[in-house]
Amino acid sequence: MKKFSQYRIATRLKVFFRRIVKTCRSPRGKEIFTYLCFVALAFCFWFILSISDNRERTIKIPIELTNVPSEAVLLNDAPPYIEARINDRGSIILGYDLNNIPPVKINFSQHDNKKDAVIISANSVIDYLRGQLKSTTTILSYTPDSIRIDYTLDAGKRCLVELNGTYTPSPHHALGAEVIVTPDSVTIYGKESRIKNITKIPTETFTAENLEENTVLTVKLQHIAGTRTIPDSVTITIPIEEYTAKTFSVPIVVTNIPKNYSVMTFPSHISLSCIIPTSRYAATTVADFLVVTDFRELVQKEGSQAAVKVINAPDYARSIMLAQDSVEYIINEAAIPAPTYHDTSATDTL
């Protein structure tokens, strides 16, 4: 079957090429071919004339900073390129377009002010540009016209990372253990007066919603003017786990019982069901829940049914439900013992 399909394809290709050859040999085909040759020849003449004329073009020349001391931390990066508007013959412009212009290499030590910055003046920038371009090329304008790169030789300061975002699980999932930030602290560099009061570096604002599985995010740190943070981004690991159902038999507690009264509920325990994160299944016990009925409500209503409600539960427990919303009860009033009186009217006779 496969060989038959290949044979049919080959046959169709042969027929197609025969038709092309036949068309080219026909009078109409020869006319079309002659026309295309004249179009190609005209294009060649136009191209030769266009590259002979002077033209303007904007080019971008990369910048590379060299000989940076290992102990120096740059507080701001050099611009990625110098954008220059140039004028030259079309052939030279075409050469710039076809061939990558080598980057401008700026020597750190040559422009270091020996204090806190590398400063490349406008004259130096134009000299660098001329060194990368042909002698016939005219530089009409360029940007930036000067470059300043601040740096510091100080050791820096270690600061904690502060999360600045929101992350929520889906309705059927829960946040697992503690969110992990890697690294949990970073080093900030800058002038002492600028960084002395900085203790935490916040992340950029981020949002992660309806998470259904463990999620790893890479978030950049907020940039503080005049400083540099290394590293400038952190990895945030958000653990997500599923919920599981669990049922408890919780005792019913009657609140606000006055002295000399007691209350019995039937039943004395009630079934409570909820869903909790799988990791907290074993650690969650009856003691984490409190189901009550209020004595003051009992004496204000008729009948023998007491409403019950949950007033305390773990914050991670969801869909909390009681097997019933009321129970029967009996109020008992304790008997008050009668006071004992002593006859003091008779007196002993000596």
C-alpha atoms as a PDB file:
ATOM      1  CA  MET A   1       0.000   0.000   0.000  1.00  0.00           C
ATOM      2  CA  LYS A   2       2.822   2.376   0.891  1.00  0.00           C
ATOM      3  CA  LYS A   3       4.697   1.694  -2.366  1.00  0.00           C
ATOM      4  CA  PHE A   4       1.505   2.270  -4.344  1.00  0.00           C
ATOM      5  CA  SER A   5       1.008   5.718  -2.703  1.00  0.00           C
ATOM      6  CA  GLN A   6       4.601   6.723  -3.444  1.00  0.00           C
ATOM      7  CA  TYR A   7       4.133   5.665  -7.069  1.00  0.00           C
ATOM      8  CA  ARG A   8       0.987   7.805  -7.429  1.00  0.00           C
ATOM      9  CA  ILE A   9       2.782  10.864  -5.978  1.00  0.00           C
ATOM     10  CA  ALA A  10       5.738  10.425  -8.342  1.00  0.00           C
ATOM     11  CA  THR A  11       3.401  10.076 -11.296  1.00  0.00           C
ATOM     12  CA  ARG A  12       1.539  13.288 -10.443  1.00  0.00           C
ATOM     13  CA  LEU A  13       4.811  15.211 -10.072  1.00  0.00           C
ATOM     14  CA  LYS A  14       5.987  14.049 -13.475  1.00  0.00           C
ATOM     15  CA  VAL A  15       2.707  15.167 -15.058  1.00  0.00           C
ATOM     16  CA  PHE A  16       2.952  18.556 -13.297  1.00  0.00           C
ATOM     17  CA  PHE A  17       6.505  19.249 -14.494  1.00  0.00           C
ATOM     18  CA  ARG A  18       5.622  18.171 -18.059  1.00  0.00           C
ATOM     19  CA  ARG A  19       2.831  20.741 -18.060  1.00  0.00           C
ATOM     20  CA  ILE A  20       5.240  23.467 -16.878  1.00  0.00           C
ATOM     21  CA  VAL A  21       7.767  22.583 -19.601  1.00  0.00           C
ATOM     22  CA  LYS A  22       5.029  22.514 -22.204  1.00  0.00           C
ATOM     23  CA  THR A  23       3.743  25.919 -21.093  1.00  0.00           C
ATOM     24  CA  CYS A  24       7.254  27.454 -21.198  1.00  0.00           C
ATOM     25  CA  ARG A  25       7.782  26.154 -24.770  1.00  0.00           C
ATOM     26  CA  SER A  26       4.491  27.583 -25.962  1.00  0.00           C
ATOM     27  CA  PRO A  27       4.416  31.132 -27.505  1.00  0.00           C
ATOM     28  CA  ARG A  28       2.531  32.464 -24.487  1.00  0.00           C
ATOM     29  CA  GLY A  29       5.054  30.925 -22.095  1.00  0.00           C
ATOM     30  CA  LYS A  30       7.983  32.455 -24.004  1.00  0.00           C
ATOM     31  CA  GLU A  31       6.394  35.894 -23.724  1.00  0.00           C
ATOM     32  CA  ILE A  32       5.965  35.520 -19.942  1.00  0.00           C
ATOM     33  CA  PHE A  33       9.547  34.311 -19.554  1.00  0.00           C
ATOM     34  CA  THR A  34      10.879  37.271 -21.566  1.00  0.00           C
ATOM     35  CA  TYR A  35       8.821  39.693 -19.426  1.00  0.00           C
ATOM     36  CA  LEU A  36      10.192  38.228 -16.181  1.00  0.00           C
ATOM     37  CA  CYS A  37      13.759  38.557 -17.451  1.00  0.00           C
ATOM     38  CA  PHE A  38      13.230  42.272 -18.143  1.00  0.00           C
ATOM     39  CA  VAL A  39      11.724  42.739 -14.644  1.00  0.00           C
ATOM     40  CA  ALA A  40      14.746  41.052 -13.058  1.00  0.00           C
ATOM     41  CA  LEU A  41      17.131  43.166 -15.126  1.00  0.00           C
ATOM     42  CA  ALA A  42      15.301  46.369 -14.137  1.00  0.00           C
ATOM     43  CA  PHE A  43      15.494  45.380 -10.497  1.00  0.00           C
ATOM     44  CA  CYS A  44      19.258  44.865 -10.783  1.00  0.00           C
ATOM     45  CA  PHE A  45      19.722  48.340 -12.299  1.00  0.00           C
ATOM     46  CA  TRP A  46      17.562  49.887  -9.579  1.00  0.00           C
ATOM     47  CA  PHE A  47      19.508  48.106  -6.848  1.00  0.00           C
ATOM     48  CA  ILE A  48      22.874  49.259  -8.245  1.00  0.00           C
ATOM     49  CA  LEU A  49      21.695  52.868  -8.413  1.00  0.00           C
ATOM     50  CA  SER A  50      20.178  52.771  -4.921  1.00  0.00           C
ATOM     51  CA  ILE A  51      23.352  51.572  -3.211  1.00  0.00           C
ATOM     52  CA  SER A  52      25.382  54.220  -4.998  1.00  0.00           C
ATOM     53  CA  ASP A  53      23.405  57.105  -3.467  1.00  0.00           C
ATOM     54  CA  ASN A  54      23.951  58.415   0.040  1.00  0.00           C
ATOM     55  CA  ARG A  55      21.350  57.326   2.554  1.00  0.00           C
ATOM     56  CA  GLU A  56      20.531  57.790   6.222  1.00  0.00           C
ATOM     57  CA  ARG A  57      19.944  54.940   8.622  1.00  0.00           C
ATOM     58  CA  THR A  58      19.575  54.430  12.388  1.00  0.00           C
ATOM     59  CA  ILE A  59      21.783  51.629  13.723  1.00  0.00           C
ATOM     60  CA  LYS A  60      22.296  50.121  17.147  1.00  0.00           C
ATOM     61  CA  ILE A  61      25.815  49.339  18.371  1.00  0.00           C
ATOM     62  CA  PRO A  62      26.060  47.047  21.434  1.00  0.00           C
ATOM     63  CA  ILE A  63      27.967  48.174  24.548  1.00  0.00           C
ATOM     64  CA  GLU A  64      30.274  45.899  26.535  1.00  0.00           C
ATOM     65  CA  LEU A  65      31.900  46.968  29.837  1.00  0.00           C
ATOM     66  CA  THR A  66      35.329  45.380  30.330  1.00  0.00           C
ATOM     67  CA  ASN A  67      37.890  45.049  33.121  1.00  0.00           C
ATOM     68  CA  VAL A  68      35.329  45.389  35.915  1.00  0.00           C
ATOM     69  CA  PRO A  69      37.011  44.681  39.308  1.00  0.00           C
ATOM     70  CA  SER A  70      35.661  41.583  41.021  1.00  0.00           C
ATOM     71  CA  GLU A  71      34.941  43.516  44.237  1.00  0.00           C
ATOM     72  CA  ALA A  72      32.899  46.194  42.429  1.00  0.00           C
ATOM     73  CA  VAL A  73      29.106  45.838  42.357  1.00  0.00           C
ATOM     74  CA  LEU A  74      27.408  47.878  39.644  1.00  0.00           C
ATOM     75  CA  LEU A  75      24.371  49.740  40.999  1.00  0.00           C
ATOM     76  CA  ASN A  76      23.001  50.336  37.506  1.00  0.00           C
ATOM     77  CA  ASP A  77      23.717  48.608  34.218  1.00  0.00           C
ATOM     78  CA  ALA A  78      25.240  50.237  31.185  1.00  0.00           C
ATOM     79  CA  PRO A  79      22.728  50.847  28.381  1.00  0.00           C
ATOM     80  CA  PRO A  80      22.566  47.788  26.110  1.00  0.00           C
ATOM     81  CA  TYR A  81      23.462  49.772  22.992  1.00  0.00           C
ATOM     82  CA  ILE A  82      24.185  53.185  21.497  1.00  0.00           C
ATOM     83  CA  GLU A  83      21.621  54.242  18.914  1.00  0.00           C
ATOM     84  CA  ALA A  84      23.221  56.330  16.160  1.00  0.00           C
ATOM     85  CA  ARG A  85      21.783  58.104  13.119  1.00  0.00           C
ATOM     86  CA  ILE A  86      24.349  57.848  10.288  1.00  0.00           C
ATOM     87  CA  ASN A  87      24.777  58.908   6.653  1.00  0.00           C
ATOM     88  CA  ASP A  88      26.813  57.070   4.017  1.00  0.00           C
ATOM     89  CA  ARG A  89      26.632  55.386   0.610  1.00  0.00           C
ATOM     90  CA  GLY A  90      23.948  52.726   0.267  1.00  0.00           C
ATOM     91  CA  SER A  91      26.579  50.002  -0.153  1.00  0.00           C
ATOM     92  CA  ILE A  92      28.165  50.882   3.200  1.00  0.00           C
ATOM     93  CA  ILE A  93      24.741  51.052   4.883  1.00  0.00           C
ATOM     94  CA  LEU A  94      23.922  47.656   3.395  1.00  0.00           C
ATOM     95  CA  GLY A  95      27.157  46.283   4.828  1.00  0.00           C
ATOM     96  CA  TYR A  96      26.177  47.527   8.294  1.00  0.00           C
ATOM     97  CA  ASP A  97      22.812  45.785   7.901  1.00  0.00           C
ATOM     98  CA  LEU A  98      24.252  42.487   6.711  1.00  0.00           C
ATOM     99  CA  ASN A  99      27.210  42.320   9.104  1.00  0.00           C
ATOM    100  CA  ASN A 100      26.856  42.686  12.853  1.00  0.00           C
ATOM    101  CA  ILE A 101      28.768  45.720  14.083  1.00  0.00           C
ATOM    102  CA  PRO A 102      31.244  44.720  16.830  1.00  0.00           C
ATOM    103  CA  PRO A 103      30.263  45.955  20.314  1.00  0.00           C
ATOM    104  CA  VAL A 104      31.766  49.089  21.812  1.00  0.00           C
ATOM    105  CA  LYS A 105      34.115  47.903  24.555  1.00  0.00           C
ATOM    106  CA  ILE A 106      34.296  50.400  27.421  1.00  0.00           C
ATOM    107  CA  ASN A 107      37.258  49.971  29.757  1.00  0.00           C
ATOM    108  CA  PHE A 108      36.093  50.319  33.403  1.00  0.00           C
ATOM    109  CA  SER A 109      39.404  51.529  34.778  1.00  0.00           C
ATOM    110  CA  GLN A 110      39.870  54.087  32.014  1.00  0.00           C
ATOM    111  CA  HIS A 111      36.684  55.973  32.997  1.00  0.00           C
ATOM    112  CA  ASP A 112      36.606  55.265  36.754  1.00  0.00           C
ATOM    113  CA  ASN A 113      36.410  58.433  38.861  1.00  0.00           C
ATOM    114  CA  LYS A 114      38.018  56.449  41.732  1.00  0.00           C
ATOM    115  CA  LYS A 115      35.021  57.181  43.938  1.00  0.00           C
ATOM    116  CA  ASP A 116      31.718  55.641  43.013  1.00  0.00           C
ATOM    117  CA  ALA A 117      31.076  55.891  39.271  1.00  0.00           C
ATOM    118  CA  VAL A 118      32.298  55.164  35.771  1.00  0.00           C
ATOM    119  CA  ILE A 119      31.617  58.222  33.601  1.00  0.00           C
ATOM    120  CA  ILE A 120      31.846  58.144  29.808  1.00  0.00           C
ATOM    121  CA  SER A 121      31.633  61.679  28.434  1.00  0.00           C
ATOM    122  CA  ALA A 122      30.023  62.723  25.163  1.00  0.00           C
ATOM    123  CA  ASN A 123      33.455  63.053  23.529  1.00  0.00           C
ATOM    124  CA  SER A 124      34.357  59.522  24.576  1.00  0.00           C
ATOM    125  CA  VAL A 125      31.060  58.145  23.248  1.00  0.00           C
ATOM    126  CA  ILE A 126      31.615  59.732  19.836  1.00  0.00           C
ATOM    127  CA  ASP A 127      35.195  58.417  19.776  1.00  0.00           C
ATOM    128  CA  TYR A 128      33.938  54.899  20.484  1.00  0.00           C
ATOM    129  CA  LEU A 129      31.390  55.191  17.690  1.00  0.00           C
ATOM    130  CA  ARG A 130      33.943  56.389  15.160  1.00  0.00           C
ATOM    131  CA  GLY A 131      36.150  53.465  16.074  1.00  0.00           C
ATOM    132  CA  GLN A 132      33.394  51.018  15.073  1.00  0.00           C
ATOM    133  CA  LEU A 133      32.265  52.737  11.841  1.00  0.00           C
ATOM    134  CA  LYS A 134      33.829  53.377   8.434  1.00  0.00           C
ATOM    135  CA  SER A 135      35.794  56.586   7.937  1.00  0.00           C
ATOM    136  CA  THR A 136      33.302  57.693   5.264  1.00  0.00           C
ATOM    137  CA  THR A 137      30.346  57.391   7.641  1.00  0.00           C
ATOM    138  CA  THR A 138      28.934  60.629   9.040  1.00  0.00           C
ATOM    139  CA  ILE A 139      27.374  60.456  12.517  1.00  0.00           C
ATOM    140  CA  LEU A 140      24.355  62.748  12.547  1.00  0.00           C
ATOM    141  CA  SER A 141      23.158  62.092  16.103  1.00  0.00           C
ATOM    142  CA  TYR A 142      23.414  59.471  18.815  1.00  0.00           C
ATOM    143  CA  THR A 143      21.881  58.522  22.160  1.00  0.00           C
ATOM    144  CA  PRO A 144      22.780  58.317  24.966  1.00  0.00           C
ATOM    145  CA  ASP A 145      25.151  61.234  24.590  1.00  0.00           C
ATOM    146  CA  SER A 146      26.965  60.263  27.830  1.00  0.00           C
ATOM    147  CA  ILE A 147      26.961  57.277  30.166  1.00  0.00           C
ATOM    148  CA  ARG A 148      27.226  57.035  33.952  1.00  0.00           C
ATOM    149  CA  ILE A 149      27.478  53.703  35.780  1.00  0.00           C
ATOM    150  CA  ASP A 150      27.427  53.880  39.598  1.00  0.00           C
ATOM    151  CA  TYR A 151      29.181  51.202  41.629  1.00  0.00           C
ATOM    152  CA  THR A 152      30.121  50.353  45.195  1.00  0.00           C
ATOM    153  CA  LEU A 153      32.957  48.456  46.823  1.00  0.00           C
ATOM    154  CA  ASP A 154      31.088  47.940  50.137  1.00  0.00           C
ATOM    155  CA  ALA A 155      30.216  44.465  51.371  1.00  0.00           C
ATOM    156  CA  GLY A 156      26.461  45.096  51.254  1.00  0.00           C
ATOM    157  CA  LYS A 157      23.696  44.266  53.719  1.00  0.00           C
ATOM    158  CA  ARG A 158      21.676  41.090  54.125  1.00  0.00           C
ATOM    159  CA  CYS A 159      17.888  41.623  54.131  1.00  0.00           C
ATOM    160  CA  LEU A 160      14.880  39.324  54.383  1.00  0.00           C
ATOM    161  CA  VAL A 161      12.548  38.880  51.418  1.00  0.00           C
ATOM    162  CA  GLU A 162       8.960  40.039  51.963  1.00  0.00           C
ATOM    163  CA  LEU A 163       6.155  38.528  49.880  1.00  0.00           C
ATOM    164  CA  ASN A 164       3.930  41.114  48.220  1.00  0.00           C
ATOM    165  CA  GLY A 165       1.191  39.148  46.520  1.00  0.00           C
ATOM    166  CA  THR A 166      -1.855  36.925  46.865  1.00  0.00           C
ATOM    167  CA  TYR A 167      -2.203  33.201  46.320  1.00  0.00           C
ATOM    168  CA  THR A 168      -5.397  31.195  46.804  1.00  0.00           C
ATOM    169  CA  PRO A 169      -6.248  27.538  46.249  1.00  0.00           C
ATOM    170  CA  SER A 170      -9.268  26.336  44.320  1.00  0.00           C
ATOM    171  CA  PRO A 171     -12.485  25.665  46.293  1.00  0.00           C
ATOM    172  CA  HIS A 172     -11.613  21.963  46.601  1.00  0.00           C
ATOM    173  CA  HIS A 173      -8.010  22.446  47.673  1.00  0.00           C
ATOM    174  CA  ALA A 174      -6.130  24.010  50.556  1.00  0.00           C
ATOM    175  CA  LEU A 175      -2.778  25.622  51.192  1.00  0.00           C
ATOM    176  CA  GLY A 176      -0.356  23.035  52.482  1.00  0.00           C
ATOM    177  CA  ALA A 177       2.605  23.688  54.719  1.00  0.00           C
ATOM    178  CA  GLU A 178       4.376  27.020  54.897  1.00  0.00           C
ATOM    179  CA  VAL A 179       5.115  28.811  51.628  1.00  0.00           C
ATOM    180  CA  ILE A 180       8.826  28.498  50.835  1.00  0.00           C
ATOM    181  CA  VAL A 181      10.828  31.463  49.507  1.00  0.00           C
ATOM    182  CA  THR A 182      14.217  30.631  47.964  1.00  0.00           C
ATOM    183  CA  PRO A 183      16.405  32.372  48.927  1.00  0.00           C
ATOM    184  CA  ASP A 184      14.661  33.835  51.962  1.00  0.00           C
ATOM    185  CA  SER A 185      17.195  36.678  52.183  1.00  0.00           C
ATOM    186  CA  VAL A 186      19.232  38.660  49.664  1.00  0.00           C
ATOM    187  CA  THR A 187      22.104  41.143  49.702  1.00  0.00           C
ATOM    188  CA  ILE A 188      21.475  44.790  48.928  1.00  0.00           C
ATOM    189  CA  TYR A 189      24.300  47.095  47.831  1.00  0.00           C
ATOM    190  CA  GLY A 190      24.426  50.858  47.844  1.00  0.00           C
ATOM    191  CA  LYS A 191      25.603  53.845  49.811  1.00  0.00           C
ATOM    192  CA  GLU A 192      25.482  53.356  53.574  1.00  0.00           C
ATOM    193  CA  SER A 193      23.081  56.260  54.014  1.00  0.00           C
ATOM    194  CA  ARG A 194      20.730  54.683  51.481  1.00  0.00           C
ATOM    195  CA  ILE A 195      20.568  51.118  52.790  1.00  0.00           C
ATOM    196  CA  LYS A 196      21.001  51.514  56.550  1.00  0.00           C
ATOM    197  CA  ASN A 197      17.238  51.665  57.230  1.00  0.00           C
ATOM    198  CA  ILE A 198      16.301  48.876  54.834  1.00  0.00           C
ATOM    199  CA  THR A 199      15.518  45.566  56.582  1.00  0.00           C
ATOM    200  CA  LYS A 200      13.231  43.840  54.077  1.00  0.00           C
ATOM    201  CA  ILE A 201      13.095  43.679  50.290  1.00  0.00           C
ATOM    202  CA  PRO A 202       9.521  43.239  48.976  1.00  0.00           C
ATOM    203  CA  THR A 203       8.765  41.265  45.861  1.00  0.00           C
ATOM    204  CA  GLU A 204       6.935  42.754  42.945  1.00  0.00           C
ATOM    205  CA  THR A 205       3.166  42.322  43.160  1.00  0.00           C
ATOM    206  CA  PHE A 206       2.009  38.870  42.017  1.00  0.00           C
ATOM    207  CA  THR A 207      -1.274  36.958  41.946  1.00  0.00           C
ATOM    208  CA  ALA A 208      -1.865  33.212  41.788  1.00  0.00           C
ATOM    209  CA  GLU A 209      -5.496  32.074  41.994  1.00  0.00           C
ATOM    210  CA  ASN A 210      -7.436  28.792  41.887  1.00  0.00           C
ATOM    211  CA  LEU A 211      -4.329  26.680  42.458  1.00  0.00           C
ATOM    212  CA  GLU A 212      -4.905  22.923  42.251  1.00  0.00           C
ATOM    213  CA  GLU A 213      -1.347  21.617  42.614  1.00  0.00           C
ATOM    214  CA  ASN A 214       2.016  22.616  44.045  1.00  0.00           C
ATOM    215  CA  THR A 215       3.030  25.808  42.271  1.00  0.00           C
ATOM    216  CA  VAL A 216       6.480  27.331  41.757  1.00  0.00           C
ATOM    217  CA  LEU A 217       6.736  30.994  40.790  1.00  0.00           C
ATOM    218  CA  THR A 218       9.759  33.111  39.933  1.00  0.00           C
ATOM    219  CA  VAL A 219       9.124  36.678  41.094  1.00  0.00           C
ATOM    220  CA  LYS A 220      11.419  39.684  40.740  1.00  0.00           C
ATOM    221  CA  LEU A 221      12.228  41.864  43.735  1.00  0.00           C
ATOM    222  CA  GLN A 222      11.236  45.505  43.793  1.00  0.00           C
ATOM    223  CA  HIS A 223      14.022  47.798  42.663  1.00  0.00           C
ATOM    224  CA  ILE A 224      15.052  50.442  45.175  1.00  0.00           C
ATOM    225  CA  ALA A 225      16.562  53.501  43.513  1.00  0.00           C
ATOM    226  CA  GLY A 226      20.301  53.852  44.025  1.00  0.00           C
ATOM    227  CA  THR A 227      20.771  50.226  45.085  1.00  0.00           C
ATOM    228  CA  ARG A 228      21.297  46.801  43.586  1.00  0.00           C
ATOM    229  CA  THR A 229      19.937  43.543  44.983  1.00  0.00           C
ATOM    230  CA  ILE A 230      21.672  40.220  44.368  1.00  0.00           C
ATOM    231  CA  PRO A 231      19.904  38.061  43.416  1.00  0.00           C
ATOM    232  CA  ASP A 232      17.156  40.259  41.997  1.00  0.00           C
ATOM    233  CA  SER A 233      14.491  37.545  41.945  1.00  0.00           C
ATOM    234  CA  VAL A 234      13.330  34.680  44.171  1.00  0.00           C
ATOM    235  CA  THR A 235      11.514  31.391  43.729  1.00  0.00           C
ATOM    236  CA  ILE A 236       8.239  30.962  45.611  1.00  0.00           C
ATOM    237  CA  THR A 237       6.964  27.426  46.238  1.00  0.00           C
ATOM    238  CA  ILE A 238       3.269  27.286  47.170  1.00  0.00           C
ATOM    239  CA  PRO A 239       2.236  23.837  48.485  1.00  0.00           C
ATOM    240  CA  ILE A 240      -1.323  22.827  47.584  1.00  0.00           C
ATOM    241  CA  GLU A 241      -3.165  19.775  48.889  1.00  0.00           C
ATOM    242  CA  GLU A 242      -6.614  18.255  48.569  1.00  0.00           C
ATOM    243  CA  TYR A 243      -9.329  18.280  51.212  1.00  0.00           C
ATOM    244  CA  THR A 244     -10.546  15.093  52.849  1.00  0.00           C
ATOM    245  CA  ALA A 245     -13.718  14.459  54.874  1.00  0.00           C
ATOM    246  CA  LYS A 246     -13.705  13.620  58.575  1.00  0.00           C
ATOM    247  CA  THR A 247     -16.490  13.068  61.121  1.00  0.00           C
ATOM    248  CA  PHE A 248     -16.405  13.648  64.898  1.00  0.00           C
ATOM    249  CA  SER A 249     -18.723  12.930  67.821  1.00  0.00           C
ATOM    250  CA  VAL A 250     -18.626  16.246  69.675  1.00  0.00           C
ATOM    251  CA  PRO A 251     -20.064  16.796  73.184  1.00  0.00           C
ATOM    252  CA  ILE A 252     -22.799  19.422  73.497  1.00  0.00           C
ATOM    253  CA  VAL A 253     -21.972  22.157  76.003  1.00  0.00           C
ATOM    254  CA  VAL A 254     -24.719  24.269  77.620  1.00  0.00           C
ATOM    255  CA  THR A 255     -23.567  27.816  78.313  1.00  0.00           C
ATOM    256  CA  ASN A 256     -24.747  30.477  80.744  1.00  0.00           C
ATOM    257  CA  ILE A 257     -26.289  28.024  83.256  1.00  0.00           C
ATOM    258  CA  PRO A 258     -27.173  29.828  86.515  1.00  0.00           C
ATOM    259  CA  LYS A 259     -26.322  28.392  89.901  1.00  0.00           C
ATOM    260  CA  ASN A 260     -28.567  25.675  91.239  1.00  0.00           C
ATOM    261  CA  TYR A 261     -29.551  24.605  87.708  1.00  0.00           C
ATOM    262  CA  SER A 262     -28.381  21.793  85.491  1.00  0.00           C
ATOM    263  CA  VAL A 263     -29.285  20.852  81.931  1.00  0.00           C
ATOM    264  CA  MET A 264     -29.194  17.480  80.225  1.00  0.00           C
ATOM    265  CA  THR A 265     -29.357  17.188  76.449  1.00  0.00           C
ATOM    266  CA  PHE A 266     -30.478  14.171  74.469  1.00  0.00           C
ATOM    267  CA  PRO A 267     -28.231  13.122  72.876  1.00  0.00           C
ATOM    268  CA  SER A 268     -25.280  14.454  74.855  1.00  0.00           C
ATOM    269  CA  HIS A 269     -23.000  14.220  71.784  1.00  0.00           C
ATOM    270  CA  ILE A 270     -23.654  15.238  68.198  1.00  0.00           C
ATOM    271  CA  SER A 271     -22.136  14.133  64.915  1.00  0.00           C
ATOM    272  CA  LEU A 272     -20.073  16.831  63.194  1.00  0.00           C
ATOM    273  CA  SER A 273     -18.638  16.439  59.679  1.00  0.00           C
ATOM    274  CA  CYS A 274     -16.230  18.694  57.802  1.00  0.00           C
ATOM    275  CA  ILE A 275     -13.482  18.655  55.212  1.00  0.00           C
ATOM    276  CA  ILE A 276      -9.875  19.374  56.211  1.00  0.00           C
ATOM    277  CA  PRO A 277      -6.486  19.355  54.470  1.00  0.00           C
ATOM    278  CA  THR A 278      -5.032  15.888  54.143  1.00  0.00           C
ATOM    279  CA  SER A 279      -1.878  16.829  56.069  1.00  0.00           C
ATOM    280  CA  ARG A 280      -3.958  17.883  59.107  1.00  0.00           C
ATOM    281  CA  TYR A 281      -6.173  14.809  59.161  1.00  0.00           C
ATOM    282  CA  ALA A 282      -4.437  13.042  62.047  1.00  0.00           C
ATOM    283  CA  ALA A 283      -3.759  16.215  64.054  1.00  0.00           C
ATOM    284  CA  THR A 284      -7.385  17.428  64.018  1.00  0.00           C
ATOM    285  CA  THR A 285      -9.352  16.073  67.012  1.00  0.00           C
ATOM    286  CA  VAL A 286     -12.670  16.561  68.808  1.00  0.00           C
ATOM    287  CA  ALA A 287     -11.024  19.084  71.125  1.00  0.00           C
ATOM    288  CA  ASP A 288     -10.662  21.484  68.191  1.00  0.00           C
ATOM    289  CA  PHE A 289     -14.462  21.932  67.961  1.00  0.00           C
ATOM    290  CA  LEU A 290     -17.021  23.394  70.359  1.00  0.00           C
ATOM    291  CA  VAL A 291     -20.773  22.836  69.927  1.00  0.00           C
ATOM    292  CA  VAL A 292     -23.051  24.745  72.336  1.00  0.00           C
ATOM    293  CA  THR A 293     -26.609  25.634  73.219  1.00  0.00           C
ATOM    294  CA  ASP A 294     -27.450  28.713  75.317  1.00  0.00           C
ATOM    295  CA  PHE A 295     -29.451  28.281  78.533  1.00  0.00           C
ATOM    296  CA  ARG A 296     -30.906  31.786  78.192  1.00  0.00           C
ATOM    297  CA  GLU A 297     -32.501  30.831  74.901  1.00  0.00           C
ATOM    298  CA  LEU A 298     -33.971  27.663  76.434  1.00  0.00           C
ATOM    299  CA  VAL A 299     -35.932  29.484  79.145  1.00  0.00           C
ATOM    300  CA  GLN A 300     -37.260  32.033  76.645  1.00  0.00           C
ATOM    301  CA  LYS A 301     -38.871  29.517  74.319  1.00  0.00           C
ATOM    302  CA  GLU A 302     -41.501  26.858  74.578  1.00  0.00           C
ATOM    303  CA  GLY A 303     -41.015  23.218  73.804  1.00  0.00           C
ATOM    304  CA  SER A 304     -38.202  20.794  74.510  1.00  0.00           C
ATOM    305  CA  GLN A 305     -35.924  21.409  71.498  1.00  0.00           C
ATOM    306  CA  ALA A 306     -32.647  23.279  72.005  1.00  0.00           C
ATOM    307  CA  ALA A 307     -30.853  24.833  69.001  1.00  0.00           C
ATOM    308  CA  VAL A 308     -27.179  23.891  68.753  1.00  0.00           C
ATOM    309  CA  LYS A 309     -24.387  25.628  66.863  1.00  0.00           C
ATOM    310  CA  VAL A 310     -20.650  25.429  66.302  1.00  0.00           C
ATOM    311  CA  ILE A 311     -18.812  28.375  67.858  1.00  0.00           C
ATOM    312  CA  ASN A 312     -15.244  27.127  67.604  1.00  0.00           C
ATOM    313  CA  ALA A 313     -13.455  25.227  64.831  1.00  0.00           C
ATOM    314  CA  PRO A 314     -10.016  25.235  63.165  1.00  0.00           C
ATOM    315  CA  ASP A 315      -9.682  27.986  60.578  1.00  0.00           C
ATOM    316  CA  TYR A 316      -8.679  25.439  57.938  1.00  0.00           C
ATOM    317  CA  ALA A 317     -11.852  23.336  58.366  1.00  0.00           C
ATOM    318  CA  ARG A 318     -14.518  23.880  55.727  1.00  0.00           C
ATOM    319  CA  SER A 319     -18.076  22.755  55.023  1.00  0.00           C
ATOM    320  CA  ILE A 320     -18.768  22.167  58.720  1.00  0.00           C
ATOM    321  CA  MET A 321     -22.135  20.441  59.206  1.00  0.00           C
ATOM    322  CA  LEU A 322     -24.002  19.055  62.218  1.00  0.00           C
ATOM    323  CA  ALA A 323     -26.102  15.913  61.926  1.00  0.00           C
ATOM    324  CA  GLN A 324     -29.039  17.867  63.414  1.00  0.00           C
ATOM    325  CA  ASP A 325     -29.695  21.485  64.280  1.00  0.00           C
ATOM    326  CA  SER A 326     -31.460  20.876  67.608  1.00  0.00           C
ATOM    327  CA  VAL A 327     -31.609  18.385  70.465  1.00  0.00           C
ATOM    328  CA  GLU A 328     -34.016  17.653  73.292  1.00  0.00           C
ATOM    329  CA  TYR A 329     -33.206  18.833  76.787  1.00  0.00           C
ATOM    330  CA  ILE A 330     -34.307  18.704  80.433  1.00  0.00           C
ATOM    331  CA  ILE A 331     -33.694  21.494  82.952  1.00  0.00           C
ATOM    332  CA  ASN A 332     -33.191  20.433  86.552  1.00  0.00           C
ATOM    333  CA  GLU A 333     -33.403  22.837  89.467  1.00  0.00           C
ATOM    334  CA  ALA A 334     -31.405  21.751  92.505  1.00  0.00           C
ATOM    335  CA  ALA A 335     -33.255  21.779  95.853  1.00  0.00           C
ATOM    336  CA  ILE A 336     -32.168  24.584  98.198  1.00  0.00           C
ATOM    337  CA  PRO A 337     -31.481  23.143 101.680  1.00  0.00           C
ATOM    338  CA  ALA A 338     -33.695  24.661 104.443  1.00  0.00           C
ATOM    339  CA  PRO A 339     -31.812  26.886 106.889  1.00  0.00           C
ATOM    340  CA  THR A 340     -31.146  25.511 110.424  1.00  0.00           C
ATOM    341  CA  TYR A 341     -32.448  27.626 113.306  1.00  0.00           C
ATOM    342  CA  HIS A 342     -31.190  27.481 116.964  1.00  0.00           C
ATOM    343  CA  ASP A 343     -33.474  28.369 119.945  1.00  0.00           C
ATOM    344  CA  THR A 344     -31.710  31.157 121.810  1.00  0.00           C
ATOM    345  CA  SER A 345     -34.652  32.130 124.080  1.00  0.00           C
ATOM    346  CA  ALA A 346     -33.711  29.679 126.894  1.00  0.00           C
ATOM    347  CA  THR A 347     -30.690  30.360 128.989  1.00  0.00           C
ATOM    348  CA  ASP A 348     -28.720  28.108 131.246  1.00  0.00           C
ATOM    349  CA  THR A 349     -29.233  28.582 134.938  1.00  0.00           C
ATOM    350  CA  LEU A 350     -26.235  28.354 137.030  1.00  0.00           C
END
